[in-house]
Each structure stands twice: as structure tokens, then as C-alpha cells.
Amino acid sequence: MSKKIMLSGVQPTRAITLGNYLGAIKNWVKLQKEYQCYFMSVDLHAITLKQDPKELRDATYYGIATYLAAGIHPKTCNMFVQSHVSEHAELGWVLTCYSTMGELNRMTQFKDKSGKQGDHIPTGLFTYPALMAADILLYDSNAVPVGADQKQHIELTRDIAIRMNNLYGKDTFVIPEPYIAPVGAKIMSLLDPESKMSKSDVNANASVFLTDSEDTIRKKIKRAVTDSGSEITADTKQSGVHNLLTIQSCILGKSIQELADSYAGKQYGHLKVETGDIVAAAINPIRTEIEKLMGDLGYLNELLKKGAENARERASKTLARVYDRLGFIPR
């Protein structure tokens, strides 16, 4: 029996956080055994905001190197760059035509990002959810691993796919499901545990990055906000403590309750020190491997070339099917 298909990707960036790793990439490593996986660096999405060309190219390589260093296996997963598969942009335009202004205007991320652009809001910020839908639907994806804040995008993708299936045949698109990890889907800021850990936080101490040194990791976690009181419990109302326990849980594979019980009679300082040690031990080998891979762009280029060829093989079939249903003359 053939495996179900999973697709995901991350924006090109050198600022990949512990939250990105635990909430997404680490889960992909587990899921690659269960699914036929397509993982990509989404450079077309990146240009919805202005980018420095040199930094964008470097960050795109870095994203792929991070996948590999974290444990994604190139022989069993397709890794590629979004712009290397032109079918993404082509289907993205089609789905833009089959989405509505109201749907796109309701997208939370558009509201958040456009609010920071003043009177000069790039059109791509408004329409990129249709391109994201194309990313997913091109590969007949059954599951899409996302954080809780991205679920709205999957709902839009499903709405567009169902709409087109009703118009052009129920087998036009496979209807995808979101995959949200039961633990660690949302790692919070170290300084504001009510907010998600983010690469764009103005205070670098709020986030741990995969580029951080061992010493930097420990210092950041020692500064983490905990809570009033002194008892370490699994109660979610203790948001700072719960965040550190969640980080440990994602890395060690232990339940939050089990970890909380192990700190009976201990102070917050113990929790911070041990969390720092655990995170440093998890990130050190990844950081070292990323640096090694970034020193061999020839290898990365060859891997991306093969990944794009494999991706195009499936994507071209989906696009041809859609074009045929729409009434386009075959190429």
C-alpha cells in the first residue's frame, strides 16, 4: 500500500528558532517514516516582503541545510526550492481566481503583516494564501504539518479545493487535513510566555535560535520568565513554567506531568538550568552539521536539482489535470 503524502515548508531564514524546530521540523523527522514527504524552502512566499537578494539566497540554502542537519533524509524525502518548480506559481494564479476577496481579507496573517506596512501594502501579502493552497494541492497532499496559528490557511485550502471539486469533478483535488502535533505545536517566548516564540521578536533573548552557541542558549533560558510562586507544576496557568516543561517534553519525549513530578521540592532555578542543558545538547549537533553543509554548496545544489525533478514529476500531473478541467488547450 502506497504511503500517504505530506508537504510542508518554511520561509528562507537564518533565524530558525527552537520553536520552529520543536513545533515543526522535529516532527517532520518522525513523520518521514510514515508518509511520502515533500519539504521545501518557500522563496516565492518570502518575496511578499522586500528581500536582499544575497541574504535570500543564503537563507534558502540555510533552510535546506537545517532540514538535513535535523534528520530529514534526502533518499526518502523530496527536498527542493519552491521557485524551482514553476507549477507552484501557475496553480497559484488559478487558485487566486477561485478564491474570493472576502476569504483573503479574513486571513489573520494578512491583517497582522499588512498593519505594519502603512499605505504601501504589497499585493502579494493579500494573495499569497492562494499560492500556499497551490503548494499543498499540487502534490495531492493528505496531511500538512502546521502550527495552530497556520490552521486557517489549511481551512482556506480545503474550501478552495472543495469549491473546484464541486465545479469540475470530485477528483480534481485531494482534500488535505492539518496535522498539528499533540505537544510542542506552539513554543512560547522566553520573555513573554503568553506570546509565541518568534524570529522577529525585537528582543533576541526571547527566542533560542539554531545558530546560538551553547553558552548563549544557557544564558537565554536562565533569563526566561517563570511565574510568581515557587512550586513547579503542570498547571497551564503557570505559563512560564509550562513553556519550559513543554520544551523539555518535546526534546525528551516525556509527558509534562512526568517532568513536573520530577521537580517536586525543587526551585525554578533547577528547571532553568536543566532546560538550558537539555536544549544545548539538542541543538549543538544540529548547528555543527548546518555549518558543515553550508560549506558544501555543490552538494546542496545537486540535492535540490534532484528534489525539484521529483517534485515536478508529480506537480506537472496535477497541473495538467486542473488545466484540462478548466478547458485549457493541452501543451
C-alpha atoms as a PDB file:
ATOM      1  CA  MET A   1       0.000   0.000   0.000  1.00  0.00           C
ATOM      2  CA  SER A   2       1.430   3.391  -1.018  1.00  0.00           C
ATOM      3  CA  LYS A   3       2.141   5.925   1.704  1.00  0.00           C
ATOM      4  CA  LYS A   4       0.004   8.996   2.204  1.00  0.00           C
ATOM      5  CA  ILE A   5       1.559  12.288   1.124  1.00  0.00           C
ATOM      6  CA  MET A   6       2.737  15.067   3.422  1.00  0.00           C
ATOM      7  CA  LEU A   7       4.008  18.501   2.389  1.00  0.00           C
ATOM      8  CA  SER A   8       5.442  21.389   4.334  1.00  0.00           C
ATOM      9  CA  GLY A   9       7.939  24.185   4.071  1.00  0.00           C
ATOM     10  CA  VAL A  10       9.497  27.098   5.883  1.00  0.00           C
ATOM     11  CA  GLN A  11      10.416  30.613   4.859  1.00  0.00           C
ATOM     12  CA  PRO A  12      14.090  31.062   3.921  1.00  0.00           C
ATOM     13  CA  THR A  13      15.791  32.409   7.030  1.00  0.00           C
ATOM     14  CA  ARG A  14      18.931  32.012   9.092  1.00  0.00           C
ATOM     15  CA  ALA A  15      16.841  32.800  12.167  1.00  0.00           C
ATOM     16  CA  ILE A  16      15.225  29.406  12.683  1.00  0.00           C
ATOM     17  CA  THR A  17      14.045  29.239  16.274  1.00  0.00           C
ATOM     18  CA  LEU A  18      13.761  26.449  18.802  1.00  0.00           C
ATOM     19  CA  GLY A  19      10.011  26.875  18.311  1.00  0.00           C
ATOM     20  CA  ASN A  20      10.334  26.190  14.566  1.00  0.00           C
ATOM     21  CA  TYR A  21      12.442  23.122  15.286  1.00  0.00           C
ATOM     22  CA  LEU A  22      10.295  21.593  18.041  1.00  0.00           C
ATOM     23  CA  GLY A  23       6.950  22.653  16.616  1.00  0.00           C
ATOM     24  CA  ALA A  24       7.640  21.598  13.031  1.00  0.00           C
ATOM     25  CA  ILE A  25      10.982  20.205  11.877  1.00  0.00           C
ATOM     26  CA  LYS A  26      11.461  17.671  14.676  1.00  0.00           C
ATOM     27  CA  ASN A  27       8.015  16.265  13.957  1.00  0.00           C
ATOM     28  CA  TRP A  28       8.843  16.001  10.259  1.00  0.00           C
ATOM     29  CA  VAL A  29      11.798  13.766  11.125  1.00  0.00           C
ATOM     30  CA  LYS A  30       9.401  11.328  12.800  1.00  0.00           C
ATOM     31  CA  LEU A  31       6.724  11.586  10.126  1.00  0.00           C
ATOM     32  CA  GLN A  32       9.068  10.932   7.190  1.00  0.00           C
ATOM     33  CA  LYS A  33       8.872   7.226   8.005  1.00  0.00           C
ATOM     34  CA  GLU A  34       5.091   7.200   7.778  1.00  0.00           C
ATOM     35  CA  TYR A  35       4.497   9.485   4.784  1.00  0.00           C
ATOM     36  CA  GLN A  36       5.864  10.237   1.348  1.00  0.00           C
ATOM     37  CA  CYS A  37       7.217  13.688   2.166  1.00  0.00           C
ATOM     38  CA  TYR A  38       7.809  16.849   0.183  1.00  0.00           C
ATOM     39  CA  PHE A  39       9.717  19.556   2.070  1.00  0.00           C
ATOM     40  CA  MET A  40      10.594  22.886   0.537  1.00  0.00           C
ATOM     41  CA  SER A  41      12.086  26.289   1.181  1.00  0.00           C
ATOM     42  CA  VAL A  42       9.366  28.738   0.119  1.00  0.00           C
ATOM     43  CA  ASP A  43      11.300  31.535  -1.577  1.00  0.00           C
ATOM     44  CA  LEU A  44       8.253  32.677  -3.590  1.00  0.00           C
ATOM     45  CA  HIS A  45       6.439  33.377  -0.330  1.00  0.00           C
ATOM     46  CA  ALA A  46       9.479  35.218   1.000  1.00  0.00           C
ATOM     47  CA  ILE A  47       9.252  37.989  -1.608  1.00  0.00           C
ATOM     48  CA  THR A  48       5.819  39.114  -0.386  1.00  0.00           C
ATOM     49  CA  LEU A  49       8.097  41.464   1.556  1.00  0.00           C
ATOM     50  CA  LYS A  50      11.235  43.040   0.066  1.00  0.00           C
ATOM     51  CA  GLN A  51      14.352  40.883   0.393  1.00  0.00           C
ATOM     52  CA  ASP A  52      18.072  41.450  -0.054  1.00  0.00           C
ATOM     53  CA  PRO A  53      18.981  39.054  -2.932  1.00  0.00           C
ATOM     54  CA  LYS A  54      22.231  37.828  -1.388  1.00  0.00           C
ATOM     55  CA  GLU A  55      20.633  37.254   2.003  1.00  0.00           C
ATOM     56  CA  LEU A  56      17.635  35.483   0.436  1.00  0.00           C
ATOM     57  CA  ARG A  57      19.878  33.074  -1.476  1.00  0.00           C
ATOM     58  CA  ASP A  58      21.958  32.346   1.614  1.00  0.00           C
ATOM     59  CA  ALA A  59      18.873  31.877   3.781  1.00  0.00           C
ATOM     60  CA  THR A  60      17.333  29.478   1.236  1.00  0.00           C
ATOM     61  CA  TYR A  61      20.390  27.253   1.369  1.00  0.00           C
ATOM     62  CA  TYR A  62      20.388  27.523   5.155  1.00  0.00           C
ATOM     63  CA  GLY A  63      16.800  26.295   5.382  1.00  0.00           C
ATOM     64  CA  ILE A  64      17.595  23.191   3.334  1.00  0.00           C
ATOM     65  CA  ALA A  65      20.778  22.586   5.356  1.00  0.00           C
ATOM     66  CA  THR A  66      18.674  22.792   8.516  1.00  0.00           C
ATOM     67  CA  TYR A  67      16.281  20.106   7.261  1.00  0.00           C
ATOM     68  CA  LEU A  68      19.203  17.801   6.599  1.00  0.00           C
ATOM     69  CA  ALA A  69      21.011  18.552   9.853  1.00  0.00           C
ATOM     70  CA  ALA A  70      17.829  17.931  11.847  1.00  0.00           C
ATOM     71  CA  GLY A  71      17.448  14.449  10.375  1.00  0.00           C
ATOM     72  CA  ILE A  72      15.375  14.739   7.178  1.00  0.00           C
ATOM     73  CA  HIS A  73      16.749  12.054   4.853  1.00  0.00           C
ATOM     74  CA  PRO A  74      17.241  13.058   1.198  1.00  0.00           C
ATOM     75  CA  LYS A  75      16.855   9.487  -0.068  1.00  0.00           C
ATOM     76  CA  THR A  76      13.361   9.111   1.345  1.00  0.00           C
ATOM     77  CA  CYS A  77      12.098  12.732   1.196  1.00  0.00           C
ATOM     78  CA  ASN A  78      11.929  15.233  -1.639  1.00  0.00           C
ATOM     79  CA  MET A  79      13.649  18.482  -0.667  1.00  0.00           C
ATOM     80  CA  PHE A  80      13.513  21.387  -3.072  1.00  0.00           C
ATOM     81  CA  VAL A  81      13.159  25.128  -3.519  1.00  0.00           C
ATOM     82  CA  GLN A  82       9.680  26.409  -4.342  1.00  0.00           C
ATOM     83  CA  SER A  83      10.780  28.607  -7.263  1.00  0.00           C
ATOM     84  CA  HIS A  84      12.477  25.612  -8.935  1.00  0.00           C
ATOM     85  CA  VAL A  85       9.041  24.088  -9.592  1.00  0.00           C
ATOM     86  CA  SER A  86       7.152  26.557 -11.793  1.00  0.00           C
ATOM     87  CA  GLU A  87       3.878  24.692 -11.289  1.00  0.00           C
ATOM     88  CA  HIS A  88       3.570  26.391  -7.885  1.00  0.00           C
ATOM     89  CA  ALA A  89       3.243  29.842  -9.440  1.00  0.00           C
ATOM     90  CA  GLU A  90       0.968  28.580 -12.227  1.00  0.00           C
ATOM     91  CA  LEU A  91      -1.508  26.823  -9.952  1.00  0.00           C
ATOM     92  CA  GLY A  92      -1.230  29.734  -7.523  1.00  0.00           C
ATOM     93  CA  TRP A  93      -2.711  32.037 -10.172  1.00  0.00           C
ATOM     94  CA  VAL A  94      -5.552  29.610 -10.900  1.00  0.00           C
ATOM     95  CA  LEU A  95      -6.438  29.368  -7.199  1.00  0.00           C
ATOM     96  CA  THR A  96      -6.255  33.145  -6.846  1.00  0.00           C
ATOM     97  CA  CYS A  97      -9.018  33.264  -9.463  1.00  0.00           C
ATOM     98  CA  TYR A  98     -11.084  30.742  -7.478  1.00  0.00           C
ATOM     99  CA  SER A  99     -10.695  32.422  -4.100  1.00  0.00           C
ATOM    100  CA  THR A 100     -12.651  35.497  -3.015  1.00  0.00           C
ATOM    101  CA  MET A 101     -11.658  38.919  -1.716  1.00  0.00           C
ATOM    102  CA  GLY A 102     -13.629  38.218   1.452  1.00  0.00           C
ATOM    103  CA  GLU A 103     -11.783  34.959   2.142  1.00  0.00           C
ATOM    104  CA  LEU A 104      -8.362  36.528   1.675  1.00  0.00           C
ATOM    105  CA  ASN A 105      -9.267  39.623   3.669  1.00  0.00           C
ATOM    106  CA  ARG A 106     -10.216  37.460   6.671  1.00  0.00           C
ATOM    107  CA  MET A 107      -6.778  35.843   6.895  1.00  0.00           C
ATOM    108  CA  THR A 108      -5.259  36.695  10.266  1.00  0.00           C
ATOM    109  CA  GLN A 109      -1.681  36.822   8.997  1.00  0.00           C
ATOM    110  CA  PHE A 110      -2.650  39.325   6.302  1.00  0.00           C
ATOM    111  CA  LYS A 111      -4.181  41.572   8.931  1.00  0.00           C
ATOM    112  CA  ASP A 112      -1.103  41.277  11.155  1.00  0.00           C
ATOM    113  CA  LYS A 113       1.505  41.827   8.441  1.00  0.00           C
ATOM    114  CA  SER A 114      -0.348  44.456   6.413  1.00  0.00           C
ATOM    115  CA  GLY A 115      -0.818  46.555   9.529  1.00  0.00           C
ATOM    116  CA  LYS A 116       2.945  47.055   9.642  1.00  0.00           C
ATOM    117  CA  GLN A 117       3.183  48.265   6.022  1.00  0.00           C
ATOM    118  CA  GLY A 118       1.354  51.584   6.292  1.00  0.00           C
ATOM    119  CA  ASP A 119      -0.192  52.714   2.999  1.00  0.00           C
ATOM    120  CA  HIS A 120       2.118  50.574   0.863  1.00  0.00           C
ATOM    121  CA  ILE A 121       0.782  47.048   1.350  1.00  0.00           C
ATOM    122  CA  PRO A 122       2.280  44.599  -1.199  1.00  0.00           C
ATOM    123  CA  THR A 123      -0.410  42.776  -3.181  1.00  0.00           C
ATOM    124  CA  GLY A 124       1.434  39.522  -2.535  1.00  0.00           C
ATOM    125  CA  LEU A 125       0.623  39.772   1.180  1.00  0.00           C
ATOM    126  CA  PHE A 126      -3.049  39.634   0.244  1.00  0.00           C
ATOM    127  CA  THR A 127      -2.907  36.873  -2.371  1.00  0.00           C
ATOM    128  CA  TYR A 128      -0.190  34.559  -1.013  1.00  0.00           C
ATOM    129  CA  PRO A 129      -2.681  32.211   0.765  1.00  0.00           C
ATOM    130  CA  ALA A 130      -3.768  31.106  -2.730  1.00  0.00           C
ATOM    131  CA  LEU A 131      -0.133  30.264  -3.528  1.00  0.00           C
ATOM    132  CA  MET A 132       0.090  28.355  -0.252  1.00  0.00           C
ATOM    133  CA  ALA A 133      -3.014  26.425  -1.270  1.00  0.00           C
ATOM    134  CA  ALA A 134      -1.301  25.610  -4.579  1.00  0.00           C
ATOM    135  CA  ASP A 135       1.772  24.351  -2.707  1.00  0.00           C
ATOM    136  CA  ILE A 136      -0.412  21.877  -0.856  1.00  0.00           C
ATOM    137  CA  LEU A 137      -2.782  20.785  -3.614  1.00  0.00           C
ATOM    138  CA  LEU A 138      -0.086  20.254  -6.267  1.00  0.00           C
ATOM    139  CA  TYR A 139       1.145  17.105  -4.538  1.00  0.00           C
ATOM    140  CA  ASP A 140      -2.228  15.559  -3.648  1.00  0.00           C
ATOM    141  CA  SER A 141      -1.207  16.131  -0.045  1.00  0.00           C
ATOM    142  CA  ASN A 142      -3.160  14.186   2.552  1.00  0.00           C
ATOM    143  CA  ALA A 143      -1.596  15.906   5.567  1.00  0.00           C
ATOM    144  CA  VAL A 144       0.078  19.245   6.198  1.00  0.00           C
ATOM    145  CA  PRO A 145       2.003  19.692   9.469  1.00  0.00           C
ATOM    146  CA  VAL A 146       1.265  23.184  10.752  1.00  0.00           C
ATOM    147  CA  GLY A 147       1.292  25.161  13.952  1.00  0.00           C
ATOM    148  CA  ALA A 148      -2.040  26.074  15.477  1.00  0.00           C
ATOM    149  CA  ASP A 149      -1.738  29.612  14.033  1.00  0.00           C
ATOM    150  CA  GLN A 150      -1.498  28.228  10.478  1.00  0.00           C
ATOM    151  CA  LYS A 151      -4.643  26.117  10.612  1.00  0.00           C
ATOM    152  CA  GLN A 152      -6.640  28.922   8.971  1.00  0.00           C
ATOM    153  CA  HIS A 153      -4.546  28.503   5.816  1.00  0.00           C
ATOM    154  CA  ILE A 154      -5.424  24.813   5.604  1.00  0.00           C
ATOM    155  CA  GLU A 155      -9.099  25.644   6.062  1.00  0.00           C
ATOM    156  CA  LEU A 156      -8.907  28.078   3.131  1.00  0.00           C
ATOM    157  CA  THR A 157      -7.101  25.466   1.027  1.00  0.00           C
ATOM    158  CA  ARG A 158      -9.840  22.948   1.763  1.00  0.00           C
ATOM    159  CA  ASP A 159     -12.562  25.481   0.901  1.00  0.00           C
ATOM    160  CA  ILE A 160     -10.990  26.288  -2.469  1.00  0.00           C
ATOM    161  CA  ALA A 161     -10.374  22.606  -3.268  1.00  0.00           C
ATOM    162  CA  ILE A 162     -13.944  21.612  -2.391  1.00  0.00           C
ATOM    163  CA  ARG A 163     -15.283  24.529  -4.456  1.00  0.00           C
ATOM    164  CA  MET A 164     -13.320  23.407  -7.525  1.00  0.00           C
ATOM    165  CA  ASN A 165     -14.180  19.741  -6.971  1.00  0.00           C
ATOM    166  CA  ASN A 166     -17.862  20.683  -6.988  1.00  0.00           C
ATOM    167  CA  LEU A 167     -17.379  22.561 -10.246  1.00  0.00           C
ATOM    168  CA  TYR A 168     -15.018  20.252 -12.125  1.00  0.00           C
ATOM    169  CA  GLY A 169     -15.218  16.799 -10.561  1.00  0.00           C
ATOM    170  CA  LYS A 170     -14.623  15.440  -7.086  1.00  0.00           C
ATOM    171  CA  ASP A 171     -11.224  14.024  -8.061  1.00  0.00           C
ATOM    172  CA  THR A 172      -9.807  17.382  -9.200  1.00  0.00           C
ATOM    173  CA  PHE A 173      -8.053  17.833  -5.856  1.00  0.00           C
ATOM    174  CA  VAL A 174      -7.313  15.684  -2.821  1.00  0.00           C
ATOM    175  CA  ILE A 175      -8.743  17.426   0.268  1.00  0.00           C
ATOM    176  CA  PRO A 176      -5.889  17.854   2.787  1.00  0.00           C
ATOM    177  CA  GLU A 177      -6.038  17.627   6.571  1.00  0.00           C
ATOM    178  CA  PRO A 178      -3.928  19.682   9.004  1.00  0.00           C
ATOM    179  CA  TYR A 179      -1.501  17.757  11.167  1.00  0.00           C
ATOM    180  CA  ILE A 180      -0.954  19.540  14.485  1.00  0.00           C
ATOM    181  CA  ALA A 181       1.485  17.869  16.849  1.00  0.00           C
ATOM    182  CA  PRO A 182      -0.117  16.994  20.213  1.00  0.00           C
ATOM    183  CA  VAL A 183       2.790  18.525  22.138  1.00  0.00           C
ATOM    184  CA  GLY A 184       5.035  21.404  21.186  1.00  0.00           C
ATOM    185  CA  ALA A 185       2.886  22.772  18.375  1.00  0.00           C
ATOM    186  CA  LYS A 186       3.403  26.189  19.907  1.00  0.00           C
ATOM    187  CA  ILE A 187       6.575  27.057  21.831  1.00  0.00           C
ATOM    188  CA  MET A 188       6.242  30.386  23.598  1.00  0.00           C
ATOM    189  CA  SER A 189       8.553  33.366  24.033  1.00  0.00           C
ATOM    190  CA  LEU A 190      11.059  33.037  26.873  1.00  0.00           C
ATOM    191  CA  LEU A 191      10.321  36.599  27.979  1.00  0.00           C
ATOM    192  CA  ASP A 192       6.572  36.663  27.325  1.00  0.00           C
ATOM    193  CA  PRO A 193       5.158  33.136  27.688  1.00  0.00           C
ATOM    194  CA  GLU A 194       1.746  34.357  26.548  1.00  0.00           C
ATOM    195  CA  SER A 195       3.162  35.002  23.048  1.00  0.00           C
ATOM    196  CA  LYS A 196       4.607  32.600  20.503  1.00  0.00           C
ATOM    197  CA  MET A 197       8.406  32.371  20.163  1.00  0.00           C
ATOM    198  CA  SER A 198       9.236  34.396  17.053  1.00  0.00           C
ATOM    199  CA  LYS A 199      12.278  35.134  14.918  1.00  0.00           C
ATOM    200  CA  SER A 200      11.034  38.729  14.569  1.00  0.00           C
ATOM    201  CA  ASP A 201      10.902  39.485  18.305  1.00  0.00           C
ATOM    202  CA  VAL A 202      12.687  42.784  18.966  1.00  0.00           C
ATOM    203  CA  ASN A 203      14.473  41.234  21.952  1.00  0.00           C
ATOM    204  CA  ALA A 204      16.810  38.423  20.845  1.00  0.00           C
ATOM    205  CA  ASN A 205      16.700  36.961  24.366  1.00  0.00           C
ATOM    206  CA  ALA A 206      13.051  35.989  23.835  1.00  0.00           C
ATOM    207  CA  SER A 207      13.993  33.253  21.358  1.00  0.00           C
ATOM    208  CA  VAL A 208      16.561  30.488  21.085  1.00  0.00           C
ATOM    209  CA  PHE A 209      17.964  30.108  17.566  1.00  0.00           C
ATOM    210  CA  LEU A 210      19.624  27.077  15.999  1.00  0.00           C
ATOM    211  CA  THR A 211      22.637  29.318  15.370  1.00  0.00           C
ATOM    212  CA  ASP A 212      23.049  30.118  19.094  1.00  0.00           C
ATOM    213  CA  SER A 213      26.128  28.867  20.896  1.00  0.00           C
ATOM    214  CA  GLU A 214      25.863  26.548  23.875  1.00  0.00           C
ATOM    215  CA  ASP A 215      26.695  29.414  26.235  1.00  0.00           C
ATOM    216  CA  THR A 216      24.133  31.729  24.641  1.00  0.00           C
ATOM    217  CA  ILE A 217      21.398  29.099  24.932  1.00  0.00           C
ATOM    218  CA  ARG A 218      22.016  28.595  28.627  1.00  0.00           C
ATOM    219  CA  LYS A 219      22.083  32.354  29.301  1.00  0.00           C
ATOM    220  CA  LYS A 220      18.815  32.953  27.468  1.00  0.00           C
ATOM    221  CA  ILE A 221      16.975  30.199  29.313  1.00  0.00           C
ATOM    222  CA  LYS A 222      18.328  31.374  32.686  1.00  0.00           C
ATOM    223  CA  ARG A 223      16.690  34.757  31.913  1.00  0.00           C
ATOM    224  CA  ALA A 224      13.368  33.107  30.988  1.00  0.00           C
ATOM    225  CA  VAL A 225      10.273  34.465  32.725  1.00  0.00           C
ATOM    226  CA  THR A 226       8.695  31.912  35.046  1.00  0.00           C
ATOM    227  CA  ASP A 227       5.834  32.795  37.402  1.00  0.00           C
ATOM    228  CA  SER A 228       5.043  34.122  40.840  1.00  0.00           C
ATOM    229  CA  GLY A 229       5.327  31.441  43.478  1.00  0.00           C
ATOM    230  CA  SER A 230       7.899  28.691  43.662  1.00  0.00           C
ATOM    231  CA  GLU A 231       6.208  25.335  43.042  1.00  0.00           C
ATOM    232  CA  ILE A 232       6.792  23.643  39.687  1.00  0.00           C
ATOM    233  CA  THR A 233       3.576  22.057  38.396  1.00  0.00           C
ATOM    234  CA  ALA A 234       1.999  21.047  35.086  1.00  0.00           C
ATOM    235  CA  ASP A 235      -0.716  23.688  35.515  1.00  0.00           C
ATOM    236  CA  THR A 236      -1.057  25.680  32.269  1.00  0.00           C
ATOM    237  CA  LYS A 237      -1.794  28.794  34.326  1.00  0.00           C
ATOM    238  CA  GLN A 238       1.909  28.781  35.201  1.00  0.00           C
ATOM    239  CA  SER A 239       2.631  29.817  31.609  1.00  0.00           C
ATOM    240  CA  GLY A 240       6.373  30.411  32.040  1.00  0.00           C
ATOM    241  CA  VAL A 241       6.995  27.137  33.840  1.00  0.00           C
ATOM    242  CA  HIS A 242       4.683  25.280  31.474  1.00  0.00           C
ATOM    243  CA  ASN A 243       6.643  26.612  28.484  1.00  0.00           C
ATOM    244  CA  LEU A 244       9.944  25.288  29.844  1.00  0.00           C
ATOM    245  CA  LEU A 245       8.346  21.932  30.656  1.00  0.00           C
ATOM    246  CA  THR A 246       6.885  21.804  27.142  1.00  0.00           C
ATOM    247  CA  ILE A 247      10.329  22.400  25.640  1.00  0.00           C
ATOM    248  CA  GLN A 248      11.752  19.557  27.725  1.00  0.00           C
ATOM    249  CA  SER A 249       8.818  17.315  26.833  1.00  0.00           C
ATOM    250  CA  CYS A 250       9.342  17.836  23.095  1.00  0.00           C
ATOM    251  CA  ILE A 251      13.047  17.027  23.320  1.00  0.00           C
ATOM    252  CA  LEU A 252      12.987  14.165  25.828  1.00  0.00           C
ATOM    253  CA  GLY A 253       9.698  12.539  24.806  1.00  0.00           C
ATOM    254  CA  LYS A 254       8.371  12.601  28.379  1.00  0.00           C
ATOM    255  CA  SER A 255       4.970  13.897  29.441  1.00  0.00           C
ATOM    256  CA  ILE A 256       4.714  17.335  31.010  1.00  0.00           C
ATOM    257  CA  GLN A 257       3.169  15.807  34.126  1.00  0.00           C
ATOM    258  CA  GLU A 258       6.052  13.335  34.476  1.00  0.00           C
ATOM    259  CA  LEU A 259       8.577  16.142  34.172  1.00  0.00           C
ATOM    260  CA  ALA A 260       6.709  18.346  36.660  1.00  0.00           C
ATOM    261  CA  ASP A 261       6.644  15.490  39.169  1.00  0.00           C
ATOM    262  CA  SER A 262      10.424  15.139  38.851  1.00  0.00           C
ATOM    263  CA  TYR A 263      10.825  18.714  40.123  1.00  0.00           C
ATOM    264  CA  ALA A 264       8.886  18.176  43.353  1.00  0.00           C
ATOM    265  CA  GLY A 265      10.608  20.192  46.076  1.00  0.00           C
ATOM    266  CA  LYS A 266      12.943  21.949  43.598  1.00  0.00           C
ATOM    267  CA  GLN A 267      13.137  25.636  42.699  1.00  0.00           C
ATOM    268  CA  TYR A 268      12.668  27.434  39.385  1.00  0.00           C
ATOM    269  CA  GLY A 269      16.453  27.740  39.116  1.00  0.00           C
ATOM    270  CA  HIS A 270      16.777  23.968  38.787  1.00  0.00           C
ATOM    271  CA  LEU A 271      14.204  23.944  35.987  1.00  0.00           C
ATOM    272  CA  LYS A 272      16.001  26.706  34.063  1.00  0.00           C
ATOM    273  CA  VAL A 273      19.472  25.172  34.384  1.00  0.00           C
ATOM    274  CA  GLU A 274      18.330  21.714  33.346  1.00  0.00           C
ATOM    275  CA  THR A 275      16.224  23.070  30.468  1.00  0.00           C
ATOM    276  CA  GLY A 276      19.276  25.011  29.251  1.00  0.00           C
ATOM    277  CA  ASP A 277      21.410  21.853  29.352  1.00  0.00           C
ATOM    278  CA  ILE A 278      18.762  19.827  27.503  1.00  0.00           C
ATOM    279  CA  VAL A 279      18.281  22.437  24.766  1.00  0.00           C
ATOM    280  CA  ALA A 280      22.025  22.961  24.291  1.00  0.00           C
ATOM    281  CA  ALA A 281      22.590  19.213  23.957  1.00  0.00           C
ATOM    282  CA  ALA A 282      19.823  19.006  21.315  1.00  0.00           C
ATOM    283  CA  ILE A 283      20.942  21.995  19.243  1.00  0.00           C
ATOM    284  CA  ASN A 284      24.748  21.598  19.321  1.00  0.00           C
ATOM    285  CA  PRO A 285      24.978  18.723  16.804  1.00  0.00           C
ATOM    286  CA  ILE A 286      22.412  20.383  14.507  1.00  0.00           C
ATOM    287  CA  ARG A 287      24.325  23.678  14.476  1.00  0.00           C
ATOM    288  CA  THR A 288      27.597  21.867  13.734  1.00  0.00           C
ATOM    289  CA  GLU A 289      26.076  19.899  10.845  1.00  0.00           C
ATOM    290  CA  ILE A 290      24.444  23.012   9.358  1.00  0.00           C
ATOM    291  CA  GLU A 291      27.833  24.749   9.293  1.00  0.00           C
ATOM    292  CA  LYS A 292      29.357  21.718   7.564  1.00  0.00           C
ATOM    293  CA  LEU A 293      26.626  21.584   4.898  1.00  0.00           C
ATOM    294  CA  MET A 294      26.799  25.330   4.239  1.00  0.00           C
ATOM    295  CA  GLY A 295      30.444  24.775   3.365  1.00  0.00           C
ATOM    296  CA  ASP A 296      29.469  22.422   0.523  1.00  0.00           C
ATOM    297  CA  LEU A 297      27.006  24.272  -1.722  1.00  0.00           C
ATOM    298  CA  GLY A 298      27.843  21.922  -4.584  1.00  0.00           C
ATOM    299  CA  TYR A 299      26.267  19.072  -2.651  1.00  0.00           C
ATOM    300  CA  LEU A 300      23.214  21.168  -1.769  1.00  0.00           C
ATOM    301  CA  ASN A 301      22.752  22.276  -5.395  1.00  0.00           C
ATOM    302  CA  GLU A 302      22.809  18.686  -6.640  1.00  0.00           C
ATOM    303  CA  LEU A 303      20.346  17.599  -3.958  1.00  0.00           C
ATOM    304  CA  LEU A 304      17.982  20.471  -4.809  1.00  0.00           C
ATOM    305  CA  LYS A 305      18.173  19.701  -8.516  1.00  0.00           C
ATOM    306  CA  LYS A 306      17.108  16.094  -7.945  1.00  0.00           C
ATOM    307  CA  GLY A 307      14.437  17.153  -5.455  1.00  0.00           C
ATOM    308  CA  ALA A 308      12.927  19.615  -7.938  1.00  0.00           C
ATOM    309  CA  GLU A 309      12.891  16.982 -10.692  1.00  0.00           C
ATOM    310  CA  ASN A 310      10.987  14.578  -8.433  1.00  0.00           C
ATOM    311  CA  ALA A 311       8.609  17.314  -7.312  1.00  0.00           C
ATOM    312  CA  ARG A 312       7.883  18.431 -10.891  1.00  0.00           C
ATOM    313  CA  GLU A 313       7.038  14.860 -11.874  1.00  0.00           C
ATOM    314  CA  ARG A 314       4.035  14.884  -9.536  1.00  0.00           C
ATOM    315  CA  ALA A 315       3.215  18.597  -9.717  1.00  0.00           C
ATOM    316  CA  SER A 316       3.039  18.600 -13.527  1.00  0.00           C
ATOM    317  CA  LYS A 317       0.415  15.835 -13.492  1.00  0.00           C
ATOM    318  CA  THR A 318      -1.773  17.767 -11.063  1.00  0.00           C
ATOM    319  CA  LEU A 319      -1.463  20.991 -13.060  1.00  0.00           C
ATOM    320  CA  ALA A 320      -2.261  19.176 -16.333  1.00  0.00           C
ATOM    321  CA  ARG A 321      -5.373  17.683 -14.731  1.00  0.00           C
ATOM    322  CA  VAL A 322      -6.534  21.097 -13.497  1.00  0.00           C
ATOM    323  CA  TYR A 323      -5.840  22.808 -16.840  1.00  0.00           C
ATOM    324  CA  ASP A 324      -7.792  20.093 -18.631  1.00  0.00           C
ATOM    325  CA  ARG A 325     -10.784  20.531 -16.283  1.00  0.00           C
ATOM    326  CA  LEU A 326     -10.692  24.299 -16.827  1.00  0.00           C
ATOM    327  CA  GLY A 327     -10.776  23.866 -20.602  1.00  0.00           C
ATOM    328  CA  PHE A 328      -7.219  24.944 -21.429  1.00  0.00           C
ATOM    329  CA  ILE A 329      -5.760  23.576 -24.675  1.00  0.00           C
ATOM    330  CA  PRO A 330      -3.097  20.917 -23.876  1.00  0.00           C
ATOM    331  CA  ARG A 331       0.526  21.984 -24.291  1.00  0.00           C
END
